[in-house]
Amino acid sequence: MATSRRYYAVEWPYGQIAWSSEHGTPGSAIAFDTADERDAWVRNGNPYTTQPGNREALTAAEVKQHHLSIVPIDELYA
């Protein structure tokens, strides 16, 4: 049984600089069906890495490494 590939991103609640803060880490990775869909979502975030709302694409390995839960994009805005 083949699994479909997923593409991941996060939105930083306090900017990427807060990664080491327990309040600054994203708790969930957003899952997308296509890289284009993920990339468009990332582009619509805050472009400044030190400010809230910055978005970043992640690999599946990074999602696993940081123990992030996965939320499909369809459920994020439901």
Protein backbone atom coordinates (compact mmCIF):
# COMPACT_ATOMS: atom_id res chain seq x y z
CA MET A 1 0.00 0.00 0.00
CA ALA A 2 1.54 3.28 -1.11
CA THR A 3 1.30 6.35 1.06
CA SER A 4 0.78 9.77 -0.42
CA ARG A 5 3.48 12.34 0.05
CA ARG A 6 2.70 15.27 2.32
CA TYR A 7 4.33 18.69 2.51
CA TYR A 8 4.63 20.54 5.81
CA ALA A 9 4.88 24.07 7.14
CA VAL A 10 4.57 25.90 10.45
CA GLU A 11 3.47 29.35 11.51
CA TRP A 12 5.61 30.83 14.26
CA PRO A 13 3.45 32.39 17.01
CA TYR A 14 6.27 34.73 18.13
CA GLY A 15 8.69 34.52 15.21
CA GLN A 16 11.43 31.98 14.56
CA ILE A 17 13.73 33.63 17.07
CA ALA A 18 11.52 32.25 19.86
CA TRP A 19 12.27 28.60 18.92
CA SER A 20 14.04 27.97 22.22
CA SER A 21 11.19 29.46 24.23
CA GLU A 22 8.52 27.03 25.42
CA HIS A 23 5.90 29.58 24.35
CA GLY A 24 7.45 30.27 20.97
CA THR A 25 7.46 26.85 19.42
CA PRO A 26 4.70 25.86 17.04
CA GLY A 27 2.76 22.90 18.40
CA SER A 28 1.55 21.68 15.04
CA ALA A 29 2.82 21.28 11.53
CA ILE A 30 0.32 22.04 8.79
CA ALA A 31 0.07 19.28 6.16
CA PHE A 32 -0.52 20.03 2.48
CA ASP A 33 -1.17 17.74 -0.49
CA THR A 34 1.18 19.63 -2.83
CA ALA A 35 4.38 21.63 -2.51
CA ASP A 36 2.75 24.46 -4.49
CA GLU A 37 -0.12 24.70 -2.01
CA ARG A 38 2.32 24.74 0.91
CA ASP A 39 4.60 27.30 -0.73
CA ALA A 40 1.68 29.65 -1.44
CA TRP A 41 0.56 29.41 2.20
CA VAL A 42 4.12 30.13 3.41
CA ARG A 43 4.40 33.16 1.09
CA ASN A 44 1.22 34.64 2.60
CA GLY A 45 2.74 34.70 6.09
CA ASN A 46 4.70 37.50 7.73
CA PRO A 47 8.03 37.75 5.86
CA TYR A 48 9.97 38.85 8.97
CA THR A 49 11.44 35.91 10.87
CA THR A 50 11.53 37.79 14.18
CA GLN A 51 7.83 38.66 14.17
CA PRO A 52 4.61 36.72 14.83
CA GLY A 53 3.00 34.99 11.88
CA ASN A 54 6.21 34.07 10.08
CA ARG A 55 5.74 30.83 8.15
CA GLU A 56 8.31 28.24 7.16
CA ALA A 57 8.30 25.04 5.11
CA LEU A 58 9.52 21.95 6.95
CA THR A 59 10.61 18.50 5.89
CA ALA A 60 8.96 15.39 7.29
CA ALA A 61 12.20 14.72 9.19
CA GLU A 62 12.00 18.14 10.89
CA VAL A 63 8.37 17.52 11.87
CA LYS A 64 9.39 14.23 13.46
CA GLN A 65 12.54 15.66 15.09
CA HIS A 66 10.57 18.40 16.85
CA HIS A 67 7.67 16.10 17.79
CA LEU A 68 5.09 18.31 16.10
CA SER A 69 1.53 17.12 15.74
CA ILE A 70 0.16 17.23 12.19
CA VAL A 71 -2.95 19.16 11.20
CA PRO A 72 -4.24 18.93 7.61
CA ILE A 73 -4.75 22.38 6.09
CA ASP A 74 -8.43 21.53 5.53
CA GLU A 75 -8.92 21.19 9.30
CA LEU A 76 -6.95 24.33 10.20
CA TYR A 77 -9.63 26.73 9.01
CA ALA A 78 -12.67 24.45 9.49
